[in-house]
Amino acid sequence: MRHWLIVLATLLVAAAGVAAANDVPRAWAGDAPIGHIGDTLRVDTGTYVADVTVSSVVPVDPPPGFGYTRSGVPVKSFPDSSVTRADVTVRAVRVPNSFILATNFSFTGVTPFADAYKPRPCDASDWLDAALGNAPQGTRRRRGVLGRHATR
C-alpha cells in the first residue's frame, strides 16, 4: 500500500509539471512579439480582453497641454526632439466595466531609431486616454497617443 501511495504522488507531481510547462502567456502576438504597424494584437489579462491596432506613427506639432517640461522649457527647444502621434484603435472585446481600459492601459512605444518613450498626457481633443474613459464592451475607440522622442 505504501508503494502505491508513493507512485501516485510521483505521477501527480509529474502531471502538474507537464501542465505548467504547457502554459501559454496571456498577452501573445504570434510570431511578432511586439507587433508591426497595422497588426491587431489581442491583450488578454484575465480581467479584460481588448484588440489593439497601431495604424500609423507620424511627427506632429505639440498639442495644447503638451508643450512644456517640468522646468518650463518648451518641448521643441530641445535639440533633435519632436512629438509623434500614433494612430491607435482599441476594441473592447470583454470588459467588466466601461472605464477599466482607461485605468489599466499604458501605451509605451519604440521609435524607428529604437528610442523608447512613454506617452505624455495632454489636452488634445483626439487623445486616446480620454476616449477610453467610456469604452463599454464591443465599442471601438480610435484616437491618438502622443509622445516625445529624440530624432537622429
Protein backbone atom coordinates (compact mmCIF):
# COMPACT_ATOMS: atom_id res chain seq x y z
CA MET A 1 0.00 0.00 0.00
CA ARG A 2 2.83 2.36 0.83
CA HIS A 3 4.48 1.83 -2.59
CA TRP A 4 1.21 2.67 -4.40
CA LEU A 5 0.95 5.92 -2.45
CA ILE A 6 4.49 6.90 -3.47
CA VAL A 7 3.81 6.02 -7.14
CA LEU A 8 0.55 8.01 -7.10
CA ALA A 9 2.25 11.06 -5.55
CA THR A 10 5.05 10.87 -8.15
CA LEU A 11 2.54 10.72 -11.01
CA LEU A 12 0.61 13.71 -9.66
CA VAL A 13 3.78 15.81 -9.36
CA ALA A 14 4.86 14.83 -12.90
CA ALA A 15 1.42 15.69 -14.33
CA ALA A 16 1.47 19.09 -12.60
CA GLY A 17 4.92 19.81 -14.04
CA VAL A 18 3.80 18.96 -17.60
CA ALA A 19 0.68 21.14 -17.24
CA ALA A 20 2.76 24.10 -16.01
CA ALA A 21 5.25 23.73 -18.88
CA ASN A 22 2.46 23.94 -21.47
CA ASP A 23 1.01 27.26 -20.24
CA VAL A 24 0.95 29.99 -22.90
CA PRO A 25 1.38 33.60 -21.77
CA ARG A 26 -1.85 35.63 -21.85
CA ALA A 27 -0.57 38.55 -23.94
CA TRP A 28 0.63 36.77 -27.06
CA ALA A 29 1.16 38.17 -30.55
CA GLY A 30 2.10 35.06 -32.56
CA ASP A 31 5.41 35.39 -34.38
CA ALA A 32 5.62 39.17 -33.78
CA PRO A 33 6.12 39.61 -30.02
CA ILE A 34 6.00 43.42 -30.20
CA GLY A 35 3.84 43.54 -33.32
CA HIS A 36 4.09 45.54 -36.51
CA ILE A 37 2.23 48.63 -37.66
CA GLY A 38 -1.16 47.51 -38.91
CA ASP A 39 -1.22 44.21 -36.96
CA THR A 40 -4.00 43.69 -34.45
CA LEU A 41 -2.71 42.42 -31.13
CA ARG A 42 -5.01 40.77 -28.61
CA VAL A 43 -4.46 41.81 -24.98
CA ASP A 44 -5.94 39.29 -22.53
CA THR A 45 -5.16 40.00 -18.88
CA GLY A 46 -7.72 37.64 -17.41
CA THR A 47 -9.81 40.62 -16.28
CA TYR A 48 -10.40 42.17 -19.69
CA VAL A 49 -9.74 41.42 -23.36
CA ALA A 50 -9.00 44.12 -25.97
CA ASP A 51 -7.76 44.22 -29.56
CA VAL A 52 -5.17 46.95 -30.22
CA THR A 53 -4.06 48.15 -33.67
CA VAL A 54 -1.49 50.87 -34.41
CA SER A 55 -2.10 52.13 -37.95
CA SER A 56 0.48 54.92 -38.23
CA VAL A 57 3.14 56.91 -36.37
CA VAL A 58 3.81 60.45 -37.63
CA PRO A 59 5.57 63.57 -36.29
CA VAL A 60 3.19 66.38 -35.27
CA ASP A 61 3.30 69.78 -33.62
CA PRO A 62 2.92 69.66 -29.81
CA PRO A 63 -0.78 69.76 -28.86
CA PRO A 64 -2.18 72.01 -26.09
CA GLY A 65 -1.01 70.99 -22.63
CA PHE A 66 1.92 69.00 -24.01
CA GLY A 67 4.41 71.71 -24.86
CA TYR A 68 6.42 72.25 -21.67
CA THR A 69 8.63 70.17 -19.42
CA ARG A 70 8.69 70.35 -15.63
CA SER A 71 11.24 73.14 -15.71
CA GLY A 72 9.03 75.26 -18.03
CA VAL A 73 11.15 74.79 -21.15
CA PRO A 74 9.18 74.26 -24.41
CA VAL A 75 9.48 70.74 -25.85
CA LYS A 76 10.55 71.97 -29.28
CA SER A 77 13.53 73.81 -27.80
CA PHE A 78 15.38 70.54 -27.11
CA PRO A 79 17.83 69.77 -29.92
CA ASP A 80 16.76 66.91 -32.19
CA SER A 81 13.45 66.34 -30.41
CA SER A 82 9.97 66.02 -31.86
CA VAL A 83 6.48 64.95 -30.89
CA THR A 84 4.97 61.89 -32.55
CA ARG A 85 1.34 60.80 -32.80
CA ALA A 86 0.48 57.13 -33.08
CA ASP A 87 -2.97 56.42 -34.52
CA VAL A 88 -4.28 53.63 -32.25
CA THR A 89 -7.56 51.70 -32.41
CA VAL A 90 -8.72 49.83 -29.30
CA ARG A 91 -11.69 47.44 -29.44
CA ALA A 92 -13.07 46.36 -26.06
CA VAL A 93 -13.80 42.64 -26.56
CA ARG A 94 -14.60 41.72 -22.94
CA VAL A 95 -14.54 44.31 -20.15
CA PRO A 96 -16.07 44.19 -16.64
CA ASN A 97 -16.90 47.93 -16.73
CA SER A 98 -16.63 50.79 -19.19
CA PHE A 99 -13.64 52.53 -17.59
CA ILE A 100 -11.25 49.61 -16.93
CA LEU A 101 -9.25 50.32 -20.11
CA ALA A 102 -8.63 53.94 -19.06
CA THR A 103 -7.28 52.89 -15.67
CA ASN A 104 -5.17 49.89 -16.73
CA PHE A 105 -3.88 50.54 -20.27
CA SER A 106 -0.47 52.11 -20.74
CA PHE A 107 0.87 52.76 -24.23
CA THR A 108 4.63 52.79 -24.46
CA GLY A 109 6.44 52.78 -27.76
CA VAL A 110 9.70 52.48 -29.62
CA THR A 111 10.64 54.95 -32.34
CA PRO A 112 12.13 53.88 -35.69
CA PHE A 113 15.52 54.78 -34.17
CA ALA A 114 15.00 52.39 -31.21
CA ASP A 115 14.33 55.16 -28.68
CA ALA A 116 11.77 54.05 -26.11
CA TYR A 117 9.20 56.54 -24.88
CA LYS A 118 6.18 56.76 -22.65
CA PRO A 119 3.30 58.93 -23.84
CA ARG A 120 2.51 62.16 -22.06
CA PRO A 121 -0.91 63.47 -21.06
CA CYS A 122 -2.21 66.45 -22.98
CA ASP A 123 -5.33 68.48 -23.75
CA ALA A 124 -5.67 67.30 -27.37
CA SER A 125 -9.23 66.57 -28.46
CA ASP A 126 -8.20 63.28 -30.07
CA TRP A 127 -6.20 61.91 -27.12
CA LEU A 128 -6.87 58.16 -26.73
CA ASP A 129 -6.76 58.06 -22.93
CA ALA A 130 -9.72 60.45 -22.74
CA ALA A 131 -11.77 58.25 -25.10
CA LEU A 132 -11.04 55.07 -23.11
CA GLY A 133 -12.78 56.57 -20.07
CA ASN A 134 -16.07 55.31 -21.52
CA ALA A 135 -15.44 52.16 -23.57
CA PRO A 136 -18.15 49.56 -22.85
CA GLN A 137 -17.90 46.05 -24.25
CA GLY A 138 -17.97 45.88 -28.04
CA THR A 139 -17.02 49.51 -28.66
CA ARG A 140 -14.13 50.68 -30.80
CA ARG A 141 -12.10 53.79 -29.97
CA ARG A 142 -9.66 55.29 -32.49
CA ARG A 143 -7.59 58.23 -31.31
CA GLY A 144 -4.02 59.40 -30.95
CA VAL A 145 -1.26 58.56 -28.49
CA LEU A 146 1.32 61.34 -28.25
CA GLY A 147 4.94 61.02 -27.14
CA ARG A 148 8.19 62.98 -27.32
CA HIS A 149 11.41 61.44 -28.53
CA ALA A 150 14.77 62.40 -29.92
CA THR A 151 15.30 62.18 -33.68
CA ARG A 152 18.63 61.45 -35.25
